[in-house]
Amino acid sequence: MLALLDCRTPDEVEHTLLSHGHSVLRLPPHPCLDAPVASHPDMLLFFADGAIYCTKSYARLVPDLLQKISNSCRHPIQLIEQEYAPTYPGDILLNAVSVSTLLFCHPTGCANELRAHPAYTVCPVRQGYAKCAVIPVGEHALITADSSIASVASQRGLEVLTVSDQTIRLPGYGHGFVGGCASFAPYGGTDLIYFCGSAESYPEWSRMESFCRKHGKELYPLTDDIPLDIGTVFLLNESN
């Protein structure tokens, strides 16, 4: 699979992914986004049913990279009309997460094209950084530290594990998000969920591991260090 990473992701993460047979593509930053998250994949791209959404400005910046991603998973790049603004909520256009047919997103900050996508039922949440805050676990469950997302997901019939993210690092901020530490395969193809941190360094590990196994997934550490929010590792099936 092709693993999309923040360009500043620790080398240990890349080495682990390569050792598992994945290829790696590091994303450069968008100049309009805040520096600590400017190259986070979950800020830059949204992988929808049938299309990959991106801003026009980022498409101009990295056309060859986007073409490689599109070719990899055989989905076209779809450009949204809105553009980033440097401060919240202008930075969350693409920071949404789908679990089966449910789309968890901020009701006004999320791009219009995502909210209008016919494949999804929109589930508005207060948390603007919805993908950062969620680890999807199959089609019927998720992990989050956000009470708004947890409440809405439970009401929609999903099983939710609520954890703490206070010990997750994100340089430049007080702490990061649990979803930003993890991998997500939006088009399937793997039962592994990678996590940028070790079992020994994260108090929630055992609970997360049990929850993932209950839903047919395996949690796997990418590093031996304290959890680090790297903006989601997107895993994409590569075409032959």
Protein backbone atom coordinates (compact mmCIF):
# COMPACT_ATOMS: atom_id res chain seq x y z
CA MET A 1 0.00 0.00 0.00
CA LEU A 2 1.02 3.62 -0.47
CA ALA A 3 1.45 5.43 2.84
CA LEU A 4 1.01 9.21 2.83
CA LEU A 5 3.04 11.03 5.48
CA ASP A 6 3.73 14.52 6.70
CA CYS A 7 7.11 15.48 5.22
CA ARG A 8 8.54 15.89 8.76
CA THR A 9 7.46 12.46 10.01
CA PRO A 10 10.22 10.69 11.99
CA ASP A 11 12.32 8.31 9.91
CA GLU A 12 11.45 5.46 12.28
CA VAL A 13 7.86 5.62 11.06
CA GLU A 14 8.93 5.35 7.43
CA HIS A 15 11.31 2.49 8.17
CA THR A 16 8.56 0.51 9.92
CA LEU A 17 6.13 1.04 7.04
CA LEU A 18 8.76 0.07 4.46
CA SER A 19 9.58 -3.08 6.44
CA HIS A 20 5.90 -4.04 6.16
CA GLY A 21 6.03 -3.77 2.38
CA HIS A 22 4.43 -0.34 2.00
CA SER A 23 5.76 2.46 -0.17
CA VAL A 24 5.93 5.97 1.28
CA LEU A 25 5.08 9.40 -0.08
CA ARG A 26 5.78 12.49 2.02
CA LEU A 27 3.52 15.51 1.54
CA PRO A 28 4.99 19.03 1.45
CA PRO A 29 3.32 21.84 3.43
CA HIS A 30 0.66 24.26 2.27
CA PRO A 31 1.98 27.80 2.89
CA CYS A 32 -1.36 29.08 4.17
CA LEU A 33 -1.70 26.56 7.00
CA ASP A 34 -0.20 26.92 10.46
CA ALA A 35 3.36 25.56 10.38
CA PRO A 36 2.94 22.65 12.86
CA VAL A 37 0.14 21.11 10.75
CA ALA A 38 0.89 22.55 7.30
CA SER A 39 1.94 19.18 5.87
CA HIS A 40 -0.48 16.98 7.82
CA PRO A 41 -2.24 14.72 5.30
CA ASP A 42 -5.56 15.05 7.13
CA MET A 43 -5.43 18.82 6.60
CA LEU A 44 -4.53 18.58 2.91
CA LEU A 45 -6.65 15.79 1.40
CA PHE A 46 -9.99 14.06 1.87
CA PHE A 47 -10.49 10.57 0.45
CA ALA A 48 -14.14 10.22 -0.50
CA ASP A 49 -16.14 7.54 -2.23
CA GLY A 50 -15.05 7.94 -5.85
CA ALA A 51 -12.83 11.02 -5.54
CA ILE A 52 -9.94 12.64 -3.68
CA TYR A 53 -10.70 16.21 -2.62
CA CYS A 54 -8.06 18.92 -2.57
CA THR A 55 -7.82 22.72 -2.78
CA LYS A 56 -6.89 24.34 -6.09
CA SER A 57 -3.89 26.01 -4.49
CA TYR A 58 -2.41 22.72 -3.25
CA ALA A 59 -3.07 21.11 -6.63
CA ARG A 60 -1.04 23.87 -8.27
CA LEU A 61 1.74 23.35 -5.75
CA VAL A 62 2.10 19.55 -6.09
CA PRO A 63 0.47 18.40 -9.37
CA ASP A 64 2.81 15.44 -9.95
CA LEU A 65 2.39 14.17 -6.40
CA LEU A 66 -1.39 14.32 -6.65
CA GLN A 67 -1.31 12.49 -9.95
CA LYS A 68 0.72 9.72 -8.33
CA ILE A 69 -1.81 9.45 -5.50
CA SER A 70 -4.70 9.42 -7.96
CA ASN A 71 -3.06 6.73 -10.07
CA SER A 72 -2.33 4.67 -6.98
CA CYS A 73 -5.91 4.27 -5.83
CA ARG A 74 -7.64 4.90 -9.19
CA HIS A 75 -9.70 7.82 -7.96
CA PRO A 76 -9.64 11.25 -9.64
CA ILE A 77 -8.57 14.43 -7.90
CA GLN A 78 -11.59 16.67 -7.29
CA LEU A 79 -10.87 20.34 -6.58
CA ILE A 80 -13.01 22.26 -4.10
CA GLU A 81 -14.02 25.88 -4.67
CA GLN A 82 -13.07 27.25 -1.26
CA GLU A 83 -9.52 28.08 -0.24
CA TYR A 84 -7.74 27.91 3.10
CA ALA A 85 -7.54 30.79 5.50
CA PRO A 86 -4.62 30.76 7.96
CA THR A 87 -6.75 30.67 11.11
CA TYR A 88 -9.55 28.43 12.35
CA PRO A 89 -12.08 27.64 10.92
CA GLY A 90 -10.55 28.52 7.57
CA ASP A 91 -8.06 25.67 7.88
CA ILE A 92 -10.53 22.77 8.33
CA LEU A 93 -12.00 22.55 4.84
CA LEU A 94 -10.92 18.94 4.36
CA ASN A 95 -10.63 17.80 7.97
CA ALA A 96 -13.59 15.43 8.07
CA VAL A 97 -13.85 11.69 8.60
CA SER A 98 -16.11 9.03 7.13
CA VAL A 99 -17.12 5.88 8.98
CA SER A 100 -19.12 3.78 6.55
CA THR A 101 -21.71 6.21 5.12
CA LEU A 102 -21.50 8.69 8.02
CA LEU A 103 -19.48 11.87 7.56
CA PHE A 104 -18.39 13.56 10.78
CA CYS A 105 -17.52 17.19 10.13
CA HIS A 106 -17.95 20.75 11.29
CA PRO A 107 -21.29 22.00 9.89
CA THR A 108 -19.90 25.23 8.37
CA GLY A 109 -16.11 24.87 8.31
CA CYS A 110 -16.06 21.71 6.19
CA ALA A 111 -15.97 22.20 2.41
CA ASN A 112 -19.34 22.36 0.68
CA GLU A 113 -18.38 19.60 -1.73
CA LEU A 114 -17.78 17.11 1.08
CA ARG A 115 -21.04 17.91 2.84
CA ALA A 116 -22.95 17.59 -0.44
CA HIS A 117 -21.41 14.25 -1.42
CA PRO A 118 -24.26 11.81 -2.18
CA ALA A 119 -22.51 8.86 -0.54
CA TYR A 120 -22.61 10.37 2.95
CA THR A 121 -25.03 11.25 5.68
CA VAL A 122 -23.59 14.36 7.32
CA CYS A 123 -23.17 14.17 11.10
CA PRO A 124 -22.40 17.72 12.31
CA VAL A 125 -20.00 17.95 15.28
CA ARG A 126 -18.50 20.85 17.21
CA GLN A 127 -14.96 19.56 16.68
CA GLY A 128 -13.53 21.20 13.57
CA TYR A 129 -10.55 18.85 13.35
CA ALA A 130 -12.77 15.80 12.99
CA LYS A 131 -10.32 13.48 11.23
CA CYS A 132 -7.54 14.45 13.62
CA ALA A 133 -9.81 13.46 16.49
CA VAL A 134 -11.00 10.05 15.21
CA ILE A 135 -9.56 6.62 14.54
CA PRO A 136 -12.12 4.73 12.44
CA VAL A 137 -12.19 1.06 13.45
CA GLY A 138 -13.95 -0.75 10.65
CA GLU A 139 -17.46 0.17 9.53
CA HIS A 140 -19.19 0.28 12.89
CA ALA A 141 -16.82 1.75 15.47
CA LEU A 142 -14.42 4.57 16.22
CA ILE A 143 -11.97 5.80 18.84
CA THR A 144 -11.92 9.45 19.91
CA ALA A 145 -11.16 11.79 22.80
CA ASP A 146 -13.77 14.29 21.64
CA SER A 147 -17.06 14.28 23.57
CA SER A 148 -19.03 15.89 20.71
CA ILE A 149 -17.98 13.22 18.23
CA ALA A 150 -18.47 10.43 20.77
CA SER A 151 -22.02 11.56 21.50
CA VAL A 152 -23.07 11.94 17.86
CA ALA A 153 -21.44 8.65 16.84
CA SER A 154 -23.20 6.77 19.64
CA GLN A 155 -26.53 8.28 18.62
CA ARG A 156 -25.89 7.02 15.08
CA GLY A 157 -25.39 3.48 16.32
CA LEU A 158 -21.60 3.27 16.26
CA GLU A 159 -19.63 1.71 19.10
CA VAL A 160 -17.28 4.31 20.58
CA LEU A 161 -14.18 4.03 22.71
CA THR A 162 -13.42 7.31 24.45
CA VAL A 163 -9.76 7.89 25.34
CA SER A 164 -7.54 10.74 26.51
CA ASP A 165 -5.22 12.59 24.16
CA GLN A 166 -3.52 14.82 26.75
CA THR A 167 -0.21 12.95 26.52
CA ILE A 168 -0.03 13.04 22.70
CA ARG A 169 2.66 15.33 21.35
CA LEU A 170 2.17 17.91 18.61
CA PRO A 171 5.03 20.42 18.64
CA GLY A 172 3.69 23.95 18.61
CA TYR A 173 0.50 23.03 20.49
CA GLY A 174 -0.36 21.88 23.99
CA HIS A 175 -1.16 18.38 22.78
CA GLY A 176 -2.20 16.51 19.66
CA PHE A 177 -5.11 14.28 18.63
CA VAL A 178 -5.40 10.52 18.84
CA GLY A 179 -6.60 10.19 15.24
CA GLY A 180 -3.57 12.10 14.02
CA CYS A 181 -1.33 9.39 15.48
CA ALA A 182 -3.00 6.56 13.60
CA SER A 183 -3.29 5.13 10.12
CA PHE A 184 -6.52 5.04 8.13
CA ALA A 185 -7.19 3.07 4.96
CA PRO A 186 -10.17 4.94 3.46
CA TYR A 187 -10.61 2.38 0.68
CA GLY A 188 -9.87 -0.69 2.79
CA GLY A 189 -7.25 -3.31 2.07
CA THR A 190 -5.76 -3.88 5.52
CA ASP A 191 -6.82 -4.92 9.02
CA LEU A 192 -3.80 -3.23 10.62
CA ILE A 193 -4.12 0.15 12.33
CA TYR A 194 -0.68 1.67 12.81
CA PHE A 195 -0.08 4.03 15.72
CA CYS A 196 2.73 6.56 16.00
CA GLY A 197 3.72 5.66 19.55
CA SER A 198 4.50 2.65 21.69
CA ALA A 199 2.36 0.48 23.93
CA GLU A 200 4.58 1.33 26.89
CA SER A 201 4.34 5.10 26.44
CA TYR A 202 0.57 5.52 25.97
CA PRO A 203 -1.74 4.74 28.91
CA GLU A 204 -4.70 4.04 26.61
CA TRP A 205 -2.90 1.39 24.53
CA SER A 206 -4.36 -1.74 26.12
CA ARG A 207 -7.93 -0.42 25.91
CA MET A 208 -7.44 0.61 22.28
CA GLU A 209 -5.84 -2.72 21.40
CA SER A 210 -8.74 -4.70 22.90
CA PHE A 211 -11.30 -2.47 21.16
CA CYS A 212 -9.58 -2.88 17.80
CA ARG A 213 -9.43 -6.66 18.15
CA LYS A 214 -13.12 -6.76 19.03
CA HIS A 215 -13.79 -5.16 15.64
CA GLY A 216 -11.40 -7.33 13.65
CA LYS A 217 -8.45 -4.93 13.60
CA GLU A 218 -4.91 -5.09 14.98
CA LEU A 219 -3.14 -2.11 16.54
CA TYR A 220 0.57 -1.91 15.67
CA PRO A 221 3.18 0.54 17.03
CA LEU A 222 5.17 2.56 14.52
CA THR A 223 7.71 3.86 17.03
CA ASP A 224 9.15 3.18 20.48
CA ASP A 225 8.46 6.76 21.53
CA ILE A 226 5.71 8.86 23.13
CA PRO A 227 2.70 9.20 20.77
CA LEU A 228 3.13 11.89 18.13
CA ASP A 229 0.34 13.45 16.07
CA ILE A 230 1.62 13.29 12.48
CA GLY A 231 -1.68 14.12 10.80
CA THR A 232 -2.93 10.62 9.98
CA VAL A 233 -1.10 8.02 7.90
CA PHE A 234 -3.38 7.40 4.93
CA LEU A 235 -2.94 3.92 3.45
CA LEU A 236 -3.99 3.49 -0.16
CA ASN A 237 -4.17 0.34 -2.27
CA GLU A 238 -1.74 0.59 -5.16
CA SER A 239 -2.96 -0.47 -8.60
CA ASN A 240 -0.97 -3.08 -10.45
